[in-house]
N, C-alpha and C. Protein backbone atom coordinates (compact mmCIF):
# COMPACT_ATOMS: atom_id res chain seq x y z
N MET A 1 113.27 152.30 70.40
CA MET A 1 111.79 152.21 69.96
C MET A 1 111.09 151.65 70.78
N GLU A 2 111.53 150.13 71.74
CA GLU A 2 110.85 149.71 72.50
C GLU A 2 110.77 150.09 73.75
N VAL A 3 111.91 151.57 74.32
CA VAL A 3 110.81 152.29 75.69
C VAL A 3 110.18 152.81 75.08
N TYR A 4 109.82 153.69 73.79
CA TYR A 4 108.71 155.03 72.96
C TYR A 4 107.24 154.27 73.18
N THR A 5 107.65 152.47 72.92
CA THR A 5 106.20 151.87 72.57
C THR A 5 105.62 151.55 73.91
N GLU A 6 106.70 150.64 74.52
CA GLU A 6 106.49 150.41 76.27
C GLU A 6 105.68 151.92 76.88
N GLU A 7 106.20 153.29 76.95
CA GLU A 7 105.70 154.17 77.28
C GLU A 7 104.36 154.65 76.74
N TYR A 8 104.38 154.32 75.39
CA TYR A 8 102.76 154.55 75.54
C TYR A 8 101.73 153.73 76.00
N LYS A 9 102.55 152.26 75.89
CA LYS A 9 101.74 150.85 76.38
C LYS A 9 100.71 151.65 77.70
N ALA A 10 101.69 151.64 78.76
CA ALA A 10 101.45 152.12 79.79
C ALA A 10 100.93 153.68 80.00
N ALA A 11 100.95 154.52 79.41
CA ALA A 11 99.89 155.93 79.14
C ALA A 11 98.23 155.23 79.04
N ASN A 12 98.39 154.28 78.48
CA ASN A 12 97.41 154.05 78.18
C ASN A 12 96.49 152.60 78.48
N LEU A 13 97.72 152.24 79.78
CA LEU A 13 97.33 151.59 81.05
C LEU A 13 96.59 152.80 81.96
N ILE A 14 97.46 153.45 82.26
CA ILE A 14 97.55 154.55 83.21
C ILE A 14 96.23 155.16 82.75
N GLU A 15 95.89 155.66 81.58
CA GLU A 15 94.51 156.63 81.58
C GLU A 15 93.19 155.46 81.85
N SER A 16 93.88 154.45 81.33
CA SER A 16 92.22 153.60 81.67
C SER A 16 91.57 153.57 83.32
N ILE A 17 93.44 153.20 84.23
CA ILE A 17 92.99 152.89 85.64
C ILE A 17 92.52 154.42 86.55
N LEU A 18 92.58 155.51 85.38
CA LEU A 18 92.79 156.61 86.23
C LEU A 18 90.75 156.52 85.82
N TYR A 19 91.10 156.42 84.86
CA TYR A 19 89.31 156.49 84.31
C TYR A 19 88.18 155.62 85.48
N LEU A 20 88.96 154.22 85.36
CA LEU A 20 88.03 153.38 86.38
C LEU A 20 87.80 153.84 87.64
N GLU A 21 89.12 154.16 88.72
CA GLU A 21 89.24 154.66 89.97
C GLU A 21 88.46 155.23 89.67
N ASN A 22 88.00 155.89 89.38
CA ASN A 22 87.61 157.80 89.15
C ASN A 22 88.10 158.83 90.19
N GLN A 23 88.86 158.67 91.00
CA GLN A 23 89.57 159.91 92.07
C GLN A 23 91.20 159.75 91.63
N ALA A 24 91.75 160.46 92.23
CA ALA A 24 93.05 160.66 92.09
C ALA A 24 93.93 159.81 92.51
N LEU A 25 94.56 159.77 91.41
CA LEU A 25 95.97 158.70 92.27
C LEU A 25 97.58 159.00 92.23
N GLY A 26 98.02 158.80 93.31
CA GLY A 26 99.86 158.86 93.03
C GLY A 26 100.50 158.08 92.18
N LEU A 27 101.56 158.48 92.33
CA LEU A 27 102.54 157.91 91.56
C LEU A 27 102.56 156.56 92.70
N PRO A 28 103.27 156.08 93.76
CA PRO A 28 102.84 154.69 94.28
C PRO A 28 101.60 154.30 94.08
N GLN A 29 100.72 154.69 93.96
CA GLN A 29 99.25 153.68 93.38
C GLN A 29 99.55 153.29 92.45
N LEU A 30 99.98 154.38 90.98
CA LEU A 30 100.77 153.90 89.77
C LEU A 30 101.74 152.75 90.01
N THR A 31 102.23 153.24 90.61
CA THR A 31 103.73 151.83 90.13
C THR A 31 102.99 150.82 90.53
N ARG A 32 102.39 150.68 92.07
CA ARG A 32 101.46 149.31 92.30
C ARG A 32 100.99 148.81 91.85
N LYS A 33 100.18 149.57 90.84
CA LYS A 33 99.04 149.07 90.21
C LYS A 33 99.17 148.50 88.76
N THR A 34 100.42 149.13 87.76
CA THR A 34 100.26 149.24 86.81
C THR A 34 102.07 148.31 86.71
N GLY A 35 102.49 148.04 88.14
CA GLY A 35 103.64 146.86 87.60
C GLY A 35 104.87 147.26 87.79
N LEU A 36 105.19 149.24 86.68
CA LEU A 36 105.79 149.95 86.33
C LEU A 36 106.47 150.57 87.04
N THR A 37 107.80 150.91 86.55
CA THR A 37 108.81 151.98 86.75
C THR A 37 108.37 153.15 87.57
N ARG A 38 109.28 153.93 88.43
CA ARG A 38 108.35 154.96 89.23
C ARG A 38 108.55 156.36 87.54
N LYS A 39 109.94 155.88 86.18
CA LYS A 39 110.65 156.66 85.32
C LYS A 39 109.61 156.54 84.35
N ILE A 40 109.17 154.85 84.20
CA ILE A 40 108.39 154.54 82.69
C ILE A 40 107.12 155.71 82.92
N VAL A 41 106.26 155.54 84.57
CA VAL A 41 105.10 155.55 84.84
C VAL A 41 104.92 157.72 85.13
N LEU A 42 105.70 158.00 84.91
CA LEU A 42 105.91 159.82 84.74
C LEU A 42 106.35 160.11 83.38
N ALA A 43 106.83 158.68 82.79
CA ALA A 43 106.58 159.00 81.58
C ALA A 43 105.74 158.95 79.98
N ALA A 44 104.61 158.32 81.09
CA ALA A 44 103.76 158.06 80.73
C ALA A 44 102.73 159.11 80.92
N ILE A 45 102.43 159.81 82.14
CA ILE A 45 102.26 160.92 82.55
C ILE A 45 101.83 162.00 81.38
N GLU A 46 103.29 162.23 81.33
CA GLU A 46 103.42 163.36 80.65
C GLU A 46 103.14 162.94 79.03
N ILE A 47 102.58 162.03 78.51
CA ILE A 47 102.28 161.14 77.78
C ILE A 47 100.92 162.13 77.06
N ILE A 48 100.25 161.59 78.46
CA ILE A 48 98.92 161.44 78.99
C ILE A 48 98.75 163.27 78.29
N ARG A 49 99.40 164.23 79.74
CA ARG A 49 99.21 165.61 79.58
C ARG A 49 99.64 166.32 78.42
N LYS A 50 100.05 165.86 77.69
CA LYS A 50 100.96 166.49 76.46
C LYS A 50 99.30 166.15 75.58
N GLU A 51 99.22 165.02 75.74
CA GLU A 51 97.76 164.05 74.75
C GLU A 51 96.34 165.19 75.58
N TYR A 52 95.88 164.88 76.21
CA TYR A 52 95.07 165.57 76.61
C TYR A 52 94.86 167.57 76.68
N ASP A 53 96.75 168.20 75.88
CA ASP A 53 96.58 169.29 76.23
C ASP A 53 95.71 170.14 75.28
N SER A 54 95.70 168.61 74.40
CA SER A 54 95.11 169.05 72.52
C SER A 54 94.06 170.19 73.02
N GLU A 55 93.27 170.89 71.69
CA GLU A 55 92.45 171.10 71.84
C GLU A 55 91.02 170.81 71.61
N ILE A 56 91.35 169.23 70.80
CA ILE A 56 90.45 168.31 70.75
C ILE A 56 89.31 167.07 72.09
N HIS A 57 90.40 167.41 73.29
CA HIS A 57 90.19 166.98 74.20
C HIS A 57 88.85 168.03 75.34
N GLY A 58 87.86 167.82 75.39
CA GLY A 58 87.06 168.14 76.71
C GLY A 58 87.96 168.35 78.37
N LEU A 59 88.87 167.27 78.52
CA LEU A 59 89.40 166.95 80.21
C LEU A 59 91.00 167.16 79.53
N GLU A 60 91.72 167.50 80.79
CA GLU A 60 92.93 167.55 80.62
C GLU A 60 93.16 166.38 82.07
N LEU A 61 93.83 166.25 81.89
CA LEU A 61 95.18 165.70 83.58
C LEU A 61 95.48 166.74 84.54
N ILE A 62 95.51 166.92 85.92
CA ILE A 62 95.48 167.59 86.30
C ILE A 62 96.39 166.76 87.54
N ARG A 63 97.33 167.54 87.93
CA ARG A 63 97.98 167.33 89.81
C ARG A 63 97.05 168.14 91.04
N ILE A 64 97.02 167.06 91.63
CA ILE A 64 95.87 167.10 93.05
C ILE A 64 97.12 166.50 94.19
N GLY A 65 98.16 167.87 94.29
CA GLY A 65 98.85 167.60 95.65
C GLY A 65 100.32 166.54 94.73
N ASP A 66 100.36 165.57 95.05
CA ASP A 66 101.29 164.86 94.68
C ASP A 66 100.37 163.59 93.91
N ASP A 67 98.85 163.65 93.64
CA ASP A 67 98.39 162.49 93.14
C ASP A 67 97.95 163.64 91.16
N TYR A 68 97.15 162.04 90.42
CA TYR A 68 96.85 162.80 89.26
C TYR A 68 95.29 162.53 88.95
N THR A 69 94.60 163.15 88.22
CA THR A 69 93.38 162.21 87.95
C THR A 69 92.98 163.54 86.84
N PHE A 70 91.89 162.86 86.45
CA PHE A 70 90.90 163.68 85.15
C PHE A 70 90.23 165.25 85.79
N ALA A 71 89.62 166.02 84.98
CA ALA A 71 89.29 166.97 85.22
C ALA A 71 88.27 168.01 84.00
N PRO A 72 87.25 168.49 83.69
CA PRO A 72 87.25 169.06 82.88
C PRO A 72 87.87 170.29 82.48
N LYS A 73 88.35 170.79 81.45
CA LYS A 73 89.77 171.89 81.37
C LYS A 73 88.50 173.30 82.00
N GLN A 74 89.47 173.78 82.44
CA GLN A 74 88.70 175.01 82.90
C GLN A 74 88.09 176.00 82.30
N ALA A 75 88.51 176.29 80.76
CA ALA A 75 87.11 176.53 79.73
C ALA A 75 86.43 176.44 80.12
N LEU A 76 85.76 175.19 80.23
CA LEU A 76 84.54 174.67 80.35
C LEU A 76 83.42 174.91 80.68
N TRP A 77 84.30 175.52 82.17
CA TRP A 77 83.09 175.16 83.63
C TRP A 77 82.33 176.31 83.16
N GLU A 78 82.28 177.31 82.63
CA GLU A 78 81.16 178.29 82.67
C GLU A 78 80.14 177.33 81.17
N HIS A 79 80.68 176.75 80.83
CA HIS A 79 79.06 175.66 80.16
C HIS A 79 78.76 174.70 81.08
N LEU A 80 79.73 173.87 81.69
CA LEU A 80 79.54 173.07 82.53
C LEU A 80 78.71 172.84 84.14
N LYS A 81 78.99 173.74 84.26
CA LYS A 81 78.60 174.51 85.85
C LYS A 81 76.93 174.49 85.81
N PRO A 82 76.12 175.10 84.93
CA PRO A 82 74.89 175.63 85.22
C PRO A 82 73.72 174.04 85.07
N LEU A 83 74.59 173.24 84.35
CA LEU A 83 74.76 171.31 84.29
C LEU A 83 74.67 170.73 85.26
N TYR A 84 76.35 170.48 85.43
CA TYR A 84 76.73 169.77 86.73
C TYR A 84 77.22 170.37 87.90
N GLY A 85 77.12 171.09 88.06
CA GLY A 85 77.54 172.11 89.28
C GLY A 85 77.18 171.71 90.50
N LYS A 86 75.91 171.57 90.86
CA LYS A 86 75.38 171.55 92.36
C LYS A 86 75.57 169.57 91.93
N LYS A 87 75.72 168.47 91.05
CA LYS A 87 75.64 167.57 91.02
C LYS A 87 77.53 167.16 91.80
N HIS A 88 78.39 167.74 91.04
CA HIS A 88 79.46 167.54 91.11
C HIS A 88 79.70 168.16 92.79
N GLN A 89 79.08 168.91 93.17
CA GLN A 89 79.97 169.13 94.62
C GLN A 89 79.18 168.49 95.33
N GLY A 90 77.11 167.85 94.77
CA GLY A 90 76.85 167.14 96.18
C GLY A 90 77.63 166.54 97.21
N ARG A 91 76.96 165.51 97.65
CA ARG A 91 76.98 165.41 99.05
C ARG A 91 78.56 163.78 99.08
N LEU A 92 78.83 164.51 100.43
CA LEU A 92 79.83 163.61 100.48
C LEU A 92 79.20 162.10 101.17
N SER A 93 80.87 161.25 101.38
CA SER A 93 80.06 159.97 101.22
C SER A 93 80.19 159.72 102.58
N LYS A 94 80.03 158.85 103.77
CA LYS A 94 80.01 158.90 104.87
C LYS A 94 81.76 158.71 105.50
N ALA A 95 82.06 157.55 104.37
CA ALA A 95 83.67 157.82 104.98
C ALA A 95 84.16 159.82 104.63
N ALA A 96 83.99 160.41 103.84
CA ALA A 96 84.20 161.37 103.78
C ALA A 96 83.88 162.92 103.90
N LEU A 97 82.88 162.42 104.78
CA LEU A 97 82.28 163.13 105.63
C LEU A 97 83.15 163.07 107.42
N GLU A 98 83.64 161.79 107.50
CA GLU A 98 84.50 161.60 108.53
C GLU A 98 85.80 161.65 109.32
N THR A 99 86.48 161.95 107.32
CA THR A 99 87.30 162.59 107.23
C THR A 99 86.82 163.40 107.19
N MET A 100 86.23 164.32 107.26
CA MET A 100 86.20 165.88 106.90
C MET A 100 86.08 166.31 108.44
N ALA A 101 85.16 165.57 109.81
CA ALA A 101 84.99 165.92 110.79
C ALA A 101 86.91 166.23 111.29
N ILE A 102 87.23 164.81 111.01
CA ILE A 102 88.48 164.80 111.45
C ILE A 102 89.42 166.21 111.65
N ILE A 103 89.31 165.82 110.14
CA ILE A 103 89.98 166.94 110.10
C ILE A 103 89.44 168.46 110.92
N ALA A 104 88.49 168.87 110.75
CA ALA A 104 87.50 170.33 111.09
C ALA A 104 88.49 170.21 112.85
N TYR A 105 87.87 169.16 113.10
CA TYR A 105 87.77 169.13 114.65
C TYR A 105 89.52 168.65 115.12
N SER A 106 90.55 168.62 114.87
CA SER A 106 91.30 168.04 115.16
C SER A 106 93.26 168.88 114.23
N GLN A 107 92.62 170.43 113.61
CA GLN A 107 93.73 170.08 112.11
C GLN A 107 95.08 171.40 113.53
N PRO A 108 95.87 171.63 113.29
CA PRO A 108 96.76 170.82 111.72
C PRO A 108 96.59 168.83 112.08
N ILE A 109 96.31 168.44 111.43
CA ILE A 109 96.68 166.89 111.05
C ILE A 109 96.98 166.35 109.79
N THR A 110 98.38 165.67 110.01
CA THR A 110 98.48 164.77 109.07
C THR A 110 98.01 163.39 108.75
N ARG A 111 98.42 163.01 107.16
CA ARG A 111 97.60 161.59 107.11
C ARG A 111 97.71 160.39 107.97
N VAL A 112 98.89 160.13 108.80
CA VAL A 112 98.81 159.20 109.79
C VAL A 112 98.44 159.87 110.45
N GLU A 113 98.07 160.28 111.16
CA GLU A 113 97.12 160.75 111.93
C GLU A 113 96.15 160.84 112.30
N ILE A 114 95.25 160.84 110.72
CA ILE A 114 94.01 160.48 110.54
C ILE A 114 93.70 159.08 109.90
N GLU A 115 94.32 158.45 109.97
CA GLU A 115 94.41 157.21 109.17
C GLU A 115 94.42 156.23 110.77
N SER A 116 95.01 157.49 111.65
CA SER A 116 95.44 156.62 113.30
C SER A 116 93.79 156.33 114.18
N ILE A 117 92.94 157.91 113.83
CA ILE A 117 91.87 157.54 114.51
C ILE A 117 90.71 157.06 113.45
N ARG A 118 90.84 157.19 112.30
CA ARG A 118 89.49 156.36 111.92
C ARG A 118 89.77 154.87 111.09
N GLY A 119 91.64 154.64 111.29
CA GLY A 119 91.64 153.40 111.86
C GLY A 119 91.93 152.66 110.14
N VAL A 120 91.63 153.00 108.67
CA VAL A 120 91.65 152.79 107.49
C VAL A 120 92.58 153.93 106.66
N ALA A 121 93.15 153.16 106.03
CA ALA A 121 93.64 154.05 104.57
C ALA A 121 93.24 155.48 104.37
N ALA A 122 93.45 156.53 104.33
CA ALA A 122 92.47 158.27 103.93
C ALA A 122 93.43 158.47 103.23
N ASP A 123 94.42 158.24 101.86
CA ASP A 123 94.73 158.87 101.11
C ASP A 123 93.98 159.69 100.07
N GLY A 124 93.04 158.57 99.83
CA GLY A 124 91.38 158.27 98.71
C GLY A 124 90.46 159.51 99.31
N MET A 125 90.24 159.70 100.40
CA MET A 125 88.79 160.79 101.16
C MET A 125 90.13 161.88 101.67
N ILE A 126 91.28 162.34 101.11
CA ILE A 126 92.44 163.32 101.51
C ILE A 126 92.21 163.79 100.71
N SER A 127 92.77 163.20 98.82
CA SER A 127 92.62 163.46 97.62
C SER A 127 91.39 164.23 97.47
N LEU A 128 90.27 163.16 97.67
CA LEU A 128 88.91 164.12 97.58
C LEU A 128 88.57 164.91 97.80
N LEU A 129 88.47 165.58 98.60
CA LEU A 129 88.25 166.58 100.04
C LEU A 129 89.37 167.96 99.79
N LEU A 130 90.47 167.74 99.06
CA LEU A 130 91.62 168.11 98.38
C LEU A 130 90.71 169.62 97.45
N SER A 131 90.05 167.79 96.20
CA SER A 131 90.06 168.25 95.23
C SER A 131 88.90 169.13 94.99
N LYS A 132 87.59 168.88 96.08
CA LYS A 132 86.96 169.52 96.68
C LYS A 132 86.90 171.40 97.22
N GLY A 133 88.18 171.57 97.41
CA GLY A 133 88.75 172.52 98.21
C GLY A 133 87.74 172.82 99.57
N LEU A 134 87.62 171.79 100.10
CA LEU A 134 87.16 171.52 101.89
C LEU A 134 88.52 171.18 102.80
N ILE A 135 90.07 171.50 101.83
CA ILE A 135 90.66 171.28 102.92
C ILE A 135 91.87 171.80 101.99
N ARG A 136 92.70 171.89 103.14
CA ARG A 136 93.98 172.46 102.20
C ARG A 136 95.88 172.45 102.68
N GLU A 137 96.95 172.15 102.00
CA GLU A 137 97.75 171.75 102.71
C GLU A 137 97.89 172.68 103.54
N LEU A 138 98.17 172.55 104.81
CA LEU A 138 98.53 173.65 105.27
C LEU A 138 100.54 173.82 106.11
N GLY A 139 101.45 172.94 105.44
CA GLY A 139 102.55 172.79 105.86
C GLY A 139 103.07 171.86 106.30
N LYS A 140 104.18 171.65 107.19
CA LYS A 140 105.42 170.30 107.04
C LYS A 140 105.36 170.19 108.88
N LYS A 141 104.82 168.87 109.17
CA LYS A 141 104.70 169.38 110.85
C LYS A 141 105.94 169.24 111.04
N ASP A 142 107.02 169.71 111.90
CA ASP A 142 108.37 169.68 113.24
C ASP A 142 108.70 168.79 113.30
N SER A 143 108.12 167.54 113.05
CA SER A 143 108.72 166.03 113.19
C SER A 143 109.62 165.13 112.33
N PRO A 144 109.50 163.75 112.90
CA PRO A 144 110.57 162.80 111.69
C PRO A 144 109.75 162.68 110.31
N GLY A 145 110.44 162.58 109.54
CA GLY A 145 109.91 162.30 108.06
C GLY A 145 109.04 164.21 107.60
N ARG A 146 109.09 165.22 108.40
CA ARG A 146 108.03 166.65 108.02
C ARG A 146 107.09 166.33 106.98
N PRO A 147 106.25 165.14 107.66
CA PRO A 147 104.92 164.85 107.19
C PRO A 147 103.91 166.21 107.01
N MET A 148 102.68 166.39 106.18
CA MET A 148 101.92 167.35 105.29
C MET A 148 101.05 167.94 106.46
N GLN A 149 100.57 167.96 106.51
CA GLN A 149 99.34 169.07 107.74
C GLN A 149 98.13 169.16 106.56
N PHE A 150 97.56 169.05 107.27
CA PHE A 150 95.89 169.16 106.38
C PHE A 150 94.89 170.42 107.27
N GLY A 151 94.22 170.76 106.73
CA GLY A 151 93.63 171.70 107.92
C GLY A 151 92.04 171.97 106.84
N THR A 152 91.15 173.16 107.50
CA THR A 152 89.41 173.39 106.49
C THR A 152 89.72 174.50 106.32
N THR A 153 89.17 175.06 104.94
CA THR A 153 89.12 176.48 103.80
C THR A 153 87.72 177.22 104.52
N LYS A 154 88.19 178.05 103.38
CA LYS A 154 86.96 179.12 103.81
C LYS A 154 85.80 178.16 102.72
N GLU A 155 86.14 177.77 101.78
CA GLU A 155 85.49 176.49 101.48
C GLU A 155 84.22 175.86 102.02
N PHE A 156 84.72 175.45 102.87
CA PHE A 156 84.11 174.57 104.08
C PHE A 156 83.43 175.38 104.73
N LEU A 157 83.80 176.41 105.25
CA LEU A 157 83.11 177.05 105.84
C LEU A 157 81.32 177.29 105.83
N LYS A 158 81.70 177.46 104.15
CA LYS A 158 80.63 177.73 102.80
C LYS A 158 79.63 176.60 102.43
N TYR A 159 80.31 175.79 102.40
CA TYR A 159 80.11 174.23 102.82
C TYR A 159 79.04 173.89 103.93
N PHE A 160 79.81 174.17 104.56
CA PHE A 160 78.47 173.50 106.08
C PHE A 160 78.08 174.81 106.65
N ARG A 161 78.77 175.81 105.73
CA ARG A 161 77.16 176.97 106.11
C ARG A 161 77.85 177.69 107.38
N LEU A 162 78.76 178.01 108.43
CA LEU A 162 79.57 178.34 109.60
C LEU A 162 80.55 179.98 109.09
N GLY A 163 80.25 180.40 110.12
CA GLY A 163 81.03 181.94 110.36
C GLY A 163 82.76 181.38 110.11
N SER A 164 83.10 180.67 111.47
CA SER A 164 84.05 180.02 111.71
C SER A 164 84.17 178.76 111.81
N ILE A 165 85.71 178.14 112.28
CA ILE A 165 85.76 177.06 113.08
C ILE A 165 84.69 176.59 114.20
N ALA A 166 85.12 178.57 114.63
CA ALA A 166 84.08 177.94 116.04
C ALA A 166 83.01 177.67 116.27
N ASP A 167 82.05 177.60 115.26
CA ASP A 167 80.32 177.10 115.00
C ASP A 167 80.01 176.40 114.69
N LEU A 168 81.40 175.32 114.97
CA LEU A 168 81.61 173.83 114.97
C LEU A 168 80.49 173.30 116.26
N PRO A 169 79.95 172.30 115.87
CA PRO A 169 78.96 171.73 117.49
C PRO A 169 80.21 171.67 117.95
N ARG A 170 80.15 171.79 119.60
CA ARG A 170 80.87 171.06 120.45
C ARG A 170 80.47 169.56 120.88
N LEU A 171 81.64 168.73 120.82
CA LEU A 171 81.29 167.18 120.60
C LEU A 171 81.50 166.90 121.93
N GLU A 172 80.38 166.26 122.54
CA GLU A 172 80.51 165.28 123.52
C GLU A 172 82.00 164.41 124.06
N ASP A 173 81.95 164.21 125.46
CA ASP A 173 83.49 163.54 126.03
C ASP A 173 83.50 162.84 125.18
N ARG A 174 82.97 161.77 125.49
CA ARG A 174 83.29 160.47 124.65
C ARG A 174 83.07 160.94 123.60
N GLU A 175 82.46 161.60 122.84
CA GLU A 175 83.44 161.43 120.83
C GLU A 175 84.56 162.08 120.78
N GLN A 176 84.43 163.41 121.61
CA GLN A 176 85.98 164.39 121.66
C GLN A 176 87.30 163.16 121.83
N ASP A 177 86.93 162.26 123.06
CA ASP A 177 88.26 161.06 122.67
C ASP A 177 88.67 160.70 121.66
N ARG A 178 87.62 160.19 120.84
CA ARG A 178 87.14 159.47 119.39
C ARG A 178 88.08 160.57 118.68
N PHE A 179 88.44 161.58 118.67
CA PHE A 179 89.35 162.24 118.04
C PHE A 179 90.63 162.74 118.70
N GLU A 180 90.75 162.73 119.94
CA GLU A 180 92.31 162.80 120.40
C GLU A 180 93.42 161.44 120.28
N LEU A 181 94.38 161.45 119.63
CA LEU A 181 95.46 161.05 119.57
C LEU A 181 96.07 160.45 120.04
N ASN A 182 96.35 158.92 120.34
CA ASN A 182 96.78 158.35 121.08
C ASN A 182 98.48 158.18 120.99
N GLY A 183 99.24 158.76 121.98
CA GLY A 183 100.42 158.71 121.84
C GLY A 183 100.69 159.83 121.21
């Protein structure tokens, strides 16, 4: 019975963290923020998922890549889109635009390569761009650790009103150097 109670307390904590963070979080982030084991976090995620599958909730716990977040149930989008569609799709932050530009000009590119160019962690921005459908996973790079590579989508082209990736503005030489990886 103690494990049952611990899992439900963990579910409450994780639900609150996902609400407050307002972005998708992965297992490493959730275990770090909660101090709980991976096993307990996974059990808590399953409890939350089952609870939100109920018809009384308008939200569901979704998985984006290896991250989890709350989103309106798809059945509600017909009603929500006229009210929130444009606002929800809204402008990208400066950090998101910078990450998007790095991906667009350097694709295919891994998270570590993005972070090397930006100089800061990119997990949150990658999750945001994935959730907006502006980037997608292209497959694993043939290198040690086989990291996931990212690239742009048709939604990216639509969002930026481009016919193809070739329509991106050319970068000046000094800007091009910024997008090239060292080593």
